[in-house]
């Protein structure tokens, strides 16, 4: 029998050419700008509604100050240094509270996560105490600490301890058992296991707890300063309310929101730097 060979040569499938780098960069930049614009849509809509309500005199100016007055008050408070002074005092209080409450929460979460004995003795009581809001601690703290600086730092520290400890504990509990078995095979000491396995594997939970702690501490700080303080961003809002200058109150609200977003973004950047080896699915 004669063998018939095909005269058609094999052609490999065509591979699509990769787009040029400038096009990829432009596409990513366009997506970011689109997301940024979408995020500004609601604030601009609220600003327009605010200005329309002022123009239509729906409420008196003492109750609903015009946006232009809020802008002028913001510039004035920034230029004379009052806004930066009060913000610096509030951030200093938050820093001391993060140092105390964050350190205590991290130590407590580590203890409950790595030690079964500590978990048995501490976790039930901690889970009960964690249900108390910060406002519930204020009367007791006033009795022991007065209404001075110690009250503010103690109340904010309590707000920070709970999320840091809980997220640290959950982060350690979610470590796969296979990793602990590997550490046992290599005969890691307790400190080696803690430093080389537990802390890196639980870094996501720790940073998540720290971010929640900062937000809870910032909110608690404003509440405490509204309640009893002679300086700070919360006091600035109380001072504006007492003078019936609600434009100052709105400036304080805007400053609180801006600082909160900035703190959250800084912590997100730090988390990304520490966990650069991980990749998101979405």
Protein backbone atom coordinates (compact mmCIF):
# COMPACT_ATOMS: atom_id res chain seq x y z
CA UNK A 1 0.00 0.00 0.00
CA UNK A 2 1.13 3.51 -0.80
CA UNK A 3 1.47 5.92 2.05
CA UNK A 4 -0.04 9.36 1.44
CA UNK A 5 1.71 12.14 3.25
CA UNK A 6 0.13 15.49 3.85
CA UNK A 7 1.72 18.42 2.10
CA UNK A 8 0.37 20.93 4.64
CA UNK A 9 3.09 22.07 7.05
CA UNK A 10 2.32 22.37 10.75
CA UNK A 11 1.68 25.92 11.91
CA UNK A 12 1.86 26.73 15.60
CA UNK A 13 -1.04 28.71 17.05
CA UNK A 14 -0.57 32.44 16.90
CA UNK A 15 0.34 34.11 20.16
CA UNK A 16 -1.21 37.48 20.82
CA UNK A 17 1.36 40.22 21.16
CA UNK A 18 1.65 41.71 24.62
CA UNK A 19 0.34 45.27 24.85
CA UNK A 20 2.96 47.98 25.22
CA UNK A 21 3.81 49.06 28.79
CA UNK A 22 2.41 52.56 28.29
CA UNK A 23 -0.98 51.14 27.38
CA UNK A 24 -1.04 48.92 30.49
CA UNK A 25 -0.05 51.89 32.66
CA UNK A 26 -2.70 54.09 31.06
CA UNK A 27 -5.36 51.42 31.59
CA UNK A 28 -4.45 51.04 35.28
CA UNK A 29 -4.38 54.81 35.77
CA UNK A 30 -7.74 55.16 34.04
CA UNK A 31 -9.28 52.51 36.29
CA UNK A 32 -7.95 54.29 39.39
CA UNK A 33 -9.26 57.65 38.22
CA UNK A 34 -12.65 56.11 37.46
CA UNK A 35 -12.84 54.55 40.93
CA UNK A 36 -11.76 57.85 42.51
CA UNK A 37 -14.40 59.75 40.56
CA UNK A 38 -17.09 57.26 41.54
CA UNK A 39 -16.11 57.72 45.19
CA UNK A 40 -16.46 61.51 44.88
CA UNK A 41 -19.93 61.28 43.37
CA UNK A 42 -21.84 60.94 46.65
CA UNK A 43 -19.90 63.68 48.55
CA UNK A 44 -20.41 66.10 45.65
CA UNK A 45 -24.11 65.24 45.57
CA UNK A 46 -24.42 65.90 49.32
CA UNK A 47 -22.48 69.15 48.95
CA UNK A 48 -24.84 70.28 46.20
CA UNK A 49 -27.87 69.37 48.32
CA UNK A 50 -26.34 71.26 51.26
CA UNK A 51 -25.81 74.39 49.14
CA UNK A 52 -29.32 74.11 47.68
CA UNK A 53 -30.82 73.88 51.18
CA UNK A 54 -28.89 76.99 52.22
CA UNK A 55 -30.01 78.90 49.14
CA UNK A 56 -33.64 77.91 49.73
CA UNK A 57 -33.37 78.89 53.44
CA UNK A 58 -34.75 75.59 54.61
CA UNK A 59 -32.97 76.07 57.97
CA UNK A 60 -31.52 79.09 59.73
CA UNK A 61 -27.82 79.82 59.18
CA UNK A 62 -27.15 79.19 62.88
CA UNK A 63 -28.36 75.61 62.40
CA UNK A 64 -27.12 74.93 58.87
CA UNK A 65 -24.09 77.10 58.04
CA UNK A 66 -23.33 77.59 54.33
CA UNK A 67 -20.40 75.66 52.83
CA UNK A 68 -18.53 78.91 52.13
CA UNK A 69 -18.62 79.82 55.83
CA UNK A 70 -17.31 76.36 56.78
CA UNK A 71 -14.49 76.78 54.26
CA UNK A 72 -13.58 80.22 55.65
CA UNK A 73 -13.64 78.89 59.23
CA UNK A 74 -11.43 75.97 58.23
CA UNK A 75 -8.87 78.29 56.65
CA UNK A 76 -8.98 80.66 59.62
CA UNK A 77 -8.54 77.88 62.21
CA UNK A 78 -5.71 76.41 60.14
CA UNK A 79 -3.90 79.71 59.70
CA UNK A 80 -4.10 80.81 63.33
CA UNK A 81 -2.93 77.35 64.48
CA UNK A 82 -5.96 76.42 66.59
CA UNK A 83 -6.91 73.43 64.45
CA UNK A 84 -3.40 72.00 64.27
CA UNK A 85 -2.88 72.52 68.02
CA UNK A 86 -6.05 70.66 68.98
CA UNK A 87 -5.34 67.90 66.45
CA UNK A 88 -1.80 67.48 67.81
CA UNK A 89 -3.13 67.11 71.36
CA UNK A 90 -5.71 64.53 70.26
CA UNK A 91 -3.14 62.55 68.25
CA UNK A 92 -0.76 62.57 71.21
CA UNK A 93 -3.46 61.06 73.40
CA UNK A 94 -4.20 58.48 70.72
CA UNK A 95 -0.50 57.61 70.46
CA UNK A 96 -0.13 56.94 74.19
CA UNK A 97 -3.35 54.90 74.16
CA UNK A 98 -2.17 52.82 71.20
CA UNK A 99 1.12 52.17 72.95
CA UNK A 100 -0.58 51.02 76.14
CA UNK A 101 -3.75 49.42 74.81
CA UNK A 102 -2.16 47.96 71.68
CA UNK A 103 0.73 46.47 73.65
CA UNK A 104 -1.60 44.99 76.25
CA UNK A 105 -3.97 43.64 73.58
CA UNK A 106 -1.11 42.05 71.62
CA UNK A 107 0.31 40.39 74.74
CA UNK A 108 -3.14 39.17 75.81
CA UNK A 109 -3.97 37.82 72.35
CA UNK A 110 -0.64 36.03 72.08
CA UNK A 111 -1.06 34.49 75.53
CA UNK A 112 -4.55 33.21 74.79
CA UNK A 113 -3.53 31.99 71.35
CA UNK A 114 -0.38 30.02 72.14
CA UNK A 115 -1.08 28.86 75.69
CA UNK A 116 -4.03 26.52 76.33
CA UNK A 117 -3.84 27.26 80.06
CA UNK A 118 -4.03 31.01 79.50
CA UNK A 119 -6.92 30.49 77.10
CA UNK A 120 -8.85 28.46 79.64
CA UNK A 121 -8.35 30.98 82.45
CA UNK A 122 -8.47 34.28 80.52
CA UNK A 123 -10.71 33.94 77.48
CA UNK A 124 -14.13 33.53 79.23
CA UNK A 125 -13.56 36.61 81.40
CA UNK A 126 -12.13 38.58 78.49
CA UNK A 127 -15.07 37.67 76.24
CA UNK A 128 -17.43 38.97 78.94
CA UNK A 129 -15.54 42.21 79.56
CA UNK A 130 -15.23 42.84 75.81
CA UNK A 131 -19.01 43.29 75.61
CA UNK A 132 -18.88 46.45 77.73
CA UNK A 133 -18.84 49.66 75.64
CA UNK A 134 -16.32 52.35 76.46
CA UNK A 135 -19.05 54.63 77.76
CA UNK A 136 -19.81 52.02 80.43
CA UNK A 137 -16.28 52.34 81.81
CA UNK A 138 -16.31 56.12 82.10
CA UNK A 139 -18.14 56.42 85.49
CA UNK A 140 -15.81 53.86 87.06
CA UNK A 141 -12.74 55.50 85.56
CA UNK A 142 -13.82 58.91 86.84
CA UNK A 143 -13.89 57.52 90.38
CA UNK A 144 -10.36 56.13 90.17
CA UNK A 145 -8.68 58.49 87.71
CA UNK A 146 -10.67 61.73 87.99
CA UNK A 147 -11.44 63.76 84.88
CA UNK A 148 -7.88 64.58 83.91
CA UNK A 149 -5.58 63.17 81.27
CA UNK A 150 -5.48 59.72 82.91
CA UNK A 151 -9.22 59.27 82.28
CA UNK A 152 -8.87 59.96 78.58
CA UNK A 153 -5.86 57.70 78.05
CA UNK A 154 -7.41 54.88 80.09
CA UNK A 155 -10.75 55.01 78.24
CA UNK A 156 -9.10 55.08 74.81
CA UNK A 157 -6.73 52.26 75.80
CA UNK A 158 -9.69 50.07 76.76
CA UNK A 159 -11.22 50.73 73.34
CA UNK A 160 -7.97 49.64 71.68
CA UNK A 161 -7.31 46.50 73.77
CA UNK A 162 -10.40 44.57 72.71
CA UNK A 163 -10.04 44.49 68.88
CA UNK A 164 -6.26 44.01 69.03
CA UNK A 165 -6.52 41.08 71.46
CA UNK A 166 -9.42 39.39 69.68
CA UNK A 167 -7.92 39.62 66.20
CA UNK A 168 -4.51 38.48 67.43
CA UNK A 169 -6.13 35.51 69.15
CA UNK A 170 -8.18 34.58 66.07
CA UNK A 171 -5.17 35.02 63.79
CA UNK A 172 -3.17 32.53 65.87
CA UNK A 173 -6.07 30.10 66.11
CA UNK A 174 -6.41 30.10 62.31
CA UNK A 175 -2.82 28.98 61.74
CA UNK A 176 -2.90 25.58 59.96
CA UNK A 177 -1.88 22.69 62.18
CA UNK A 178 0.47 21.47 59.45
CA UNK A 179 2.73 24.47 60.06
CA UNK A 180 2.95 23.64 63.74
CA UNK A 181 3.82 20.06 62.85
CA UNK A 182 6.63 21.32 60.61
CA UNK A 183 7.95 23.40 63.50
CA UNK A 184 7.89 20.31 65.71
CA UNK A 185 9.79 18.31 63.08
CA UNK A 186 12.52 20.96 62.96
CA UNK A 187 12.50 21.06 66.76
CA UNK A 188 11.90 24.78 67.05
CA UNK A 189 12.05 26.22 70.51
CA UNK A 190 9.08 28.20 71.80
CA UNK A 191 10.70 31.52 70.92
CA UNK A 192 11.68 30.27 67.46
CA UNK A 193 8.12 29.04 66.84
CA UNK A 194 6.75 32.37 68.00
CA UNK A 195 9.15 34.49 65.95
CA UNK A 196 9.44 32.42 62.77
CA UNK A 197 5.98 30.88 62.50
CA UNK A 198 3.28 32.33 64.76
CA UNK A 199 3.91 36.04 64.23
CA UNK A 200 4.35 35.89 60.43
CA UNK A 201 1.34 33.58 59.98
CA UNK A 202 -0.87 35.72 62.24
CA UNK A 203 0.37 39.05 60.85
CA UNK A 204 -2.85 39.56 58.91
CA UNK A 205 -5.02 39.22 61.99
CA UNK A 206 -2.68 41.37 64.07
CA UNK A 207 -2.72 44.21 61.55
CA UNK A 208 -6.47 43.91 61.14
CA UNK A 209 -6.87 44.20 64.89
CA UNK A 210 -4.51 47.17 64.96
CA UNK A 211 -6.52 48.95 62.27
CA UNK A 212 -9.74 48.30 64.15
CA UNK A 213 -8.08 49.40 67.37
CA UNK A 214 -6.98 52.69 65.84
CA UNK A 215 -10.47 53.40 64.55
CA UNK A 216 -12.12 52.45 67.85
CA UNK A 217 -9.55 54.47 69.77
CA UNK A 218 -10.07 57.52 67.55
CA UNK A 219 -13.84 57.35 68.04
CA UNK A 220 -13.46 56.86 71.79
CA UNK A 221 -11.04 59.79 71.95
CA UNK A 222 -13.56 62.14 70.34
CA UNK A 223 -16.28 60.92 72.69
CA UNK A 224 -14.13 61.43 75.79
CA UNK A 225 -13.05 64.88 74.64
CA UNK A 226 -16.67 65.81 74.02
CA UNK A 227 -17.51 64.62 77.54
CA UNK A 228 -14.73 66.17 79.62
CA UNK A 229 -11.81 68.04 78.11
CA UNK A 230 -10.34 71.52 77.83
CA UNK A 231 -8.33 70.84 74.67
CA UNK A 232 -8.39 68.54 71.68
CA UNK A 233 -10.51 68.25 68.56
CA UNK A 234 -13.56 67.16 70.58
CA UNK A 235 -13.24 70.21 72.81
CA UNK A 236 -13.04 72.41 69.69
CA UNK A 237 -16.45 71.07 68.63
CA UNK A 238 -17.91 71.66 72.10
CA UNK A 239 -16.53 75.19 72.07
CA UNK A 240 -18.16 75.87 68.70
CA UNK A 241 -21.49 74.51 69.93
CA UNK A 242 -21.38 76.70 73.04
CA UNK A 243 -20.75 79.77 70.88
CA UNK A 244 -23.56 78.67 68.50
CA UNK A 245 -21.00 78.59 65.67
CA UNK A 246 -21.88 75.33 63.99
CA UNK A 247 -19.39 76.04 61.22
CA UNK A 248 -16.66 75.24 63.77
CA UNK A 249 -18.49 72.02 64.67
CA UNK A 250 -18.58 71.01 61.00
CA UNK A 251 -14.86 71.83 60.67
CA UNK A 252 -14.18 69.50 63.60
CA UNK A 253 -16.25 66.76 61.99
CA UNK A 254 -14.37 67.11 58.72
CA UNK A 255 -11.03 67.03 60.55
CA UNK A 256 -12.03 63.89 62.45
CA UNK A 257 -13.04 62.12 59.24
CA UNK A 258 -9.91 63.19 57.35
CA UNK A 259 -7.55 62.09 60.13
CA UNK A 260 -9.39 58.77 60.50
CA UNK A 261 -9.03 58.03 56.79
CA UNK A 262 -5.36 59.02 56.85
CA UNK A 263 -4.62 56.74 59.81
CA UNK A 264 -6.41 53.83 58.15
CA UNK A 265 -4.50 54.34 54.88
CA UNK A 266 -1.17 54.49 56.71
CA UNK A 267 -1.92 51.22 58.49
CA UNK A 268 -3.07 49.63 55.21
CA UNK A 269 0.23 50.69 53.61
CA UNK A 270 2.18 49.20 56.52
CA UNK A 271 0.19 45.97 56.28
CA UNK A 272 0.91 45.72 52.56
CA UNK A 273 4.61 46.23 53.19
CA UNK A 274 4.75 43.57 55.90
CA UNK A 275 2.62 41.07 53.97
CA UNK A 276 4.09 41.70 50.54
CA UNK A 277 4.59 37.97 50.02
CA UNK A 278 0.81 37.39 49.99
CA UNK A 279 -1.37 38.00 46.95
CA UNK A 280 -5.06 38.76 46.91
CA UNK A 281 -7.50 36.63 44.97
CA UNK A 282 -9.76 39.64 44.20
